Every structure is written in C-alpha cells, then in structure tokens.
Amino acid sequence: MADEFGDRPSTRLTRDVNEATRLDFDEEILPEDNHVAGEFEVEAILDDKTPLFTNTERTVREFKVK
C-alpha cells in the first residue's frame, strides 16, 4: 500500500545554493529599520480596536493614528 503512488521524484529543481549565491530578500529589498519596535510620536490616536478572531491567534490591537 505504501507504493501506491510510485517513487518520489528525484530531480533537483535548483542548483546547489551556498551562502555566497543565496539571495536574502530582507537584506536586498527591505530597509534596515523596517520592523523597529519601540516608541513612536504621533499627533493623535483617532481610533483603536481589537478584532475578534475565531481561531487561536494572538490578540492584535490596531491603532489609527494622525
């Protein structure tokens, strides 16, 4: 029963990748401070909400700022 679908494919889709040829999208495309956590100055908080999810995801609080 285990061989019902035959053997797995053995063809490589890419050539061997090492650290010198690997492209890291975070380093090449995104700015360095893209996800900096900390305090930010805003003029006013116009609205805030906590969406209710039906799954077990972490609660996320969203702010609309000016």
N, C-alpha and C. Protein backbone atom coordinates (compact mmCIF):
# COMPACT_ATOMS: atom_id res chain seq x y z
N MET A 1 0.81 -1.21 0.00
CA MET A 1 0.00 0.00 0.00
C MET A 1 0.85 1.27 0.00
N ALA A 2 2.05 1.23 0.58
CA ALA A 2 2.89 2.42 0.65
C ALA A 2 3.35 2.87 -0.73
N ASP A 3 3.51 1.95 -1.68
CA ASP A 3 3.98 2.29 -3.03
C ASP A 3 2.83 2.53 -4.00
N GLU A 4 1.68 2.84 -3.53
CA GLU A 4 0.52 3.01 -4.39
C GLU A 4 0.73 4.11 -5.43
N PHE A 5 1.45 5.18 -5.07
CA PHE A 5 1.69 6.30 -5.98
C PHE A 5 3.07 6.24 -6.63
N GLY A 6 3.84 5.21 -6.40
CA GLY A 6 5.16 5.10 -7.01
C GLY A 6 6.23 5.82 -6.20
N ASP A 7 7.41 5.90 -6.79
CA ASP A 7 8.54 6.54 -6.12
C ASP A 7 8.39 8.05 -6.14
N ARG A 8 9.08 8.68 -5.20
CA ARG A 8 9.10 10.13 -5.16
C ARG A 8 10.02 10.65 -6.26
N PRO A 9 9.77 11.85 -6.79
CA PRO A 9 10.66 12.42 -7.80
C PRO A 9 12.05 12.67 -7.22
N SER A 10 13.06 12.49 -8.04
CA SER A 10 14.43 12.70 -7.56
C SER A 10 15.13 13.82 -8.31
N THR A 11 14.44 14.56 -9.16
CA THR A 11 15.03 15.66 -9.92
C THR A 11 15.14 16.89 -9.03
N ARG A 12 16.33 17.53 -9.03
CA ARG A 12 16.52 18.76 -8.27
C ARG A 12 15.94 19.93 -9.05
N LEU A 13 15.21 20.80 -8.39
CA LEU A 13 14.61 21.94 -9.05
C LEU A 13 15.56 23.13 -9.15
N THR A 14 16.54 23.20 -8.25
CA THR A 14 17.53 24.27 -8.28
C THR A 14 18.91 23.68 -8.14
N ARG A 15 19.89 24.46 -8.54
CA ARG A 15 21.26 24.01 -8.33
C ARG A 15 21.60 24.20 -6.86
N ASP A 16 22.71 23.67 -6.45
CA ASP A 16 23.11 23.79 -5.04
C ASP A 16 23.30 25.26 -4.69
N VAL A 17 22.76 25.66 -3.56
CA VAL A 17 22.83 27.05 -3.12
C VAL A 17 23.72 27.10 -1.89
N ASN A 18 24.68 28.02 -1.91
CA ASN A 18 25.51 28.23 -0.73
C ASN A 18 25.32 29.68 -0.27
N GLU A 19 25.98 30.07 0.78
CA GLU A 19 25.79 31.40 1.35
C GLU A 19 26.18 32.51 0.38
N ALA A 20 27.16 32.26 -0.49
CA ALA A 20 27.61 33.30 -1.43
C ALA A 20 26.58 33.56 -2.53
N THR A 21 25.84 32.54 -2.95
CA THR A 21 24.88 32.71 -4.05
C THR A 21 23.45 32.88 -3.57
N ARG A 22 23.22 32.79 -2.28
CA ARG A 22 21.87 32.88 -1.74
C ARG A 22 21.41 34.34 -1.72
N LEU A 23 20.18 34.61 -2.13
CA LEU A 23 19.61 35.95 -2.09
C LEU A 23 18.70 36.05 -0.88
N ASP A 24 19.00 37.00 -0.01
CA ASP A 24 18.17 37.24 1.17
C ASP A 24 17.30 38.46 0.89
N PHE A 25 16.01 38.25 0.70
CA PHE A 25 15.12 39.35 0.36
C PHE A 25 15.11 40.43 1.43
N ASP A 26 15.21 40.04 2.70
CA ASP A 26 15.21 41.04 3.77
C ASP A 26 16.38 42.00 3.63
N GLU A 27 17.55 41.48 3.25
CA GLU A 27 18.73 42.32 3.13
C GLU A 27 18.71 43.16 1.87
N GLU A 28 18.20 42.63 0.78
CA GLU A 28 18.27 43.30 -0.51
C GLU A 28 17.14 44.31 -0.74
N ILE A 29 15.93 44.01 -0.31
CA ILE A 29 14.78 44.81 -0.69
C ILE A 29 14.28 45.72 0.44
N LEU A 30 14.18 45.19 1.64
CA LEU A 30 13.58 45.94 2.74
C LEU A 30 14.58 46.87 3.40
N PRO A 31 14.14 48.04 3.86
CA PRO A 31 15.05 48.92 4.59
C PRO A 31 15.46 48.29 5.92
N GLU A 32 16.59 48.75 6.44
CA GLU A 32 17.13 48.16 7.67
C GLU A 32 16.19 48.32 8.86
N ASP A 33 15.52 49.45 8.96
CA ASP A 33 14.68 49.72 10.14
C ASP A 33 13.21 49.42 9.86
N ASN A 34 12.92 48.45 9.03
CA ASN A 34 11.56 48.15 8.64
C ASN A 34 10.69 47.69 9.81
N HIS A 35 11.22 46.93 10.73
CA HIS A 35 10.44 46.38 11.84
C HIS A 35 11.04 46.79 13.18
N VAL A 36 11.31 48.05 13.35
CA VAL A 36 11.89 48.53 14.60
C VAL A 36 10.78 48.68 15.63
N ALA A 37 10.95 47.99 16.74
CA ALA A 37 9.98 48.11 17.83
C ALA A 37 10.41 49.24 18.75
N GLY A 38 9.44 49.87 19.38
CA GLY A 38 9.80 50.93 20.32
C GLY A 38 8.69 51.96 20.41
N GLU A 39 9.07 53.16 20.83
CA GLU A 39 8.12 54.24 21.00
C GLU A 39 8.14 55.15 19.78
N PHE A 40 6.95 55.61 19.37
CA PHE A 40 6.83 56.50 18.23
C PHE A 40 5.96 57.68 18.63
N GLU A 41 6.29 58.85 18.11
CA GLU A 41 5.49 60.04 18.39
C GLU A 41 4.38 60.15 17.35
N VAL A 42 3.14 60.30 17.81
CA VAL A 42 2.00 60.52 16.92
C VAL A 42 1.24 61.73 17.40
N GLU A 43 0.57 62.40 16.49
CA GLU A 43 -0.19 63.59 16.86
C GLU A 43 -1.41 63.23 17.69
N ALA A 44 -2.15 62.20 17.26
CA ALA A 44 -3.35 61.78 17.98
C ALA A 44 -3.71 60.36 17.60
N ILE A 45 -4.30 59.63 18.55
CA ILE A 45 -4.86 58.32 18.25
C ILE A 45 -6.33 58.54 17.92
N LEU A 46 -6.69 58.29 16.67
CA LEU A 46 -8.05 58.54 16.22
C LEU A 46 -9.00 57.41 16.55
N ASP A 47 -8.49 56.18 16.58
CA ASP A 47 -9.34 55.03 16.83
C ASP A 47 -8.45 53.86 17.21
N ASP A 48 -8.97 52.97 18.03
CA ASP A 48 -8.26 51.72 18.31
C ASP A 48 -9.28 50.61 18.42
N LYS A 49 -8.87 49.41 18.02
CA LYS A 49 -9.78 48.28 18.07
C LYS A 49 -8.99 47.00 18.28
N THR A 50 -9.66 46.02 18.82
CA THR A 50 -9.10 44.68 19.00
C THR A 50 -10.03 43.73 18.26
N PRO A 51 -9.64 43.33 17.03
CA PRO A 51 -10.50 42.43 16.26
C PRO A 51 -10.70 41.10 16.97
N LEU A 52 -11.90 40.54 16.85
CA LEU A 52 -12.19 39.24 17.44
C LEU A 52 -12.00 38.16 16.39
N PHE A 53 -11.09 37.25 16.65
CA PHE A 53 -10.82 36.14 15.74
C PHE A 53 -11.45 34.88 16.29
N THR A 54 -11.83 33.98 15.42
CA THR A 54 -12.42 32.72 15.86
C THR A 54 -11.38 31.63 16.05
N ASN A 55 -10.15 31.89 15.65
CA ASN A 55 -9.10 30.89 15.85
C ASN A 55 -8.25 31.26 17.07
N THR A 56 -7.16 30.60 17.26
CA THR A 56 -6.35 30.80 18.47
C THR A 56 -5.16 31.72 18.24
N GLU A 57 -5.26 32.62 17.24
CA GLU A 57 -4.17 33.55 17.00
C GLU A 57 -3.99 34.51 18.18
N ARG A 58 -2.82 35.08 18.25
CA ARG A 58 -2.51 36.08 19.28
C ARG A 58 -3.38 37.32 19.05
N THR A 59 -3.85 37.94 20.10
CA THR A 59 -4.65 39.14 20.00
C THR A 59 -3.78 40.29 19.51
N VAL A 60 -4.29 41.03 18.54
CA VAL A 60 -3.56 42.16 17.97
C VAL A 60 -4.40 43.40 18.15
N ARG A 61 -3.80 44.46 18.68
CA ARG A 61 -4.51 45.72 18.85
C ARG A 61 -4.11 46.64 17.72
N GLU A 62 -5.08 47.20 17.01
CA GLU A 62 -4.83 48.05 15.86
C GLU A 62 -5.14 49.50 16.22
N PHE A 63 -4.29 50.42 15.76
CA PHE A 63 -4.48 51.85 16.02
C PHE A 63 -4.57 52.60 14.71
N LYS A 64 -5.44 53.59 14.66
CA LYS A 64 -5.49 54.53 13.55
C LYS A 64 -4.96 55.84 14.11
N VAL A 65 -3.84 56.31 13.56
CA VAL A 65 -3.19 57.49 14.13
C VAL A 65 -3.15 58.62 13.11
N LYS A 66 -2.97 59.83 13.62
CA LYS A 66 -2.87 61.01 12.77
C LYS A 66 -1.44 61.45 12.74
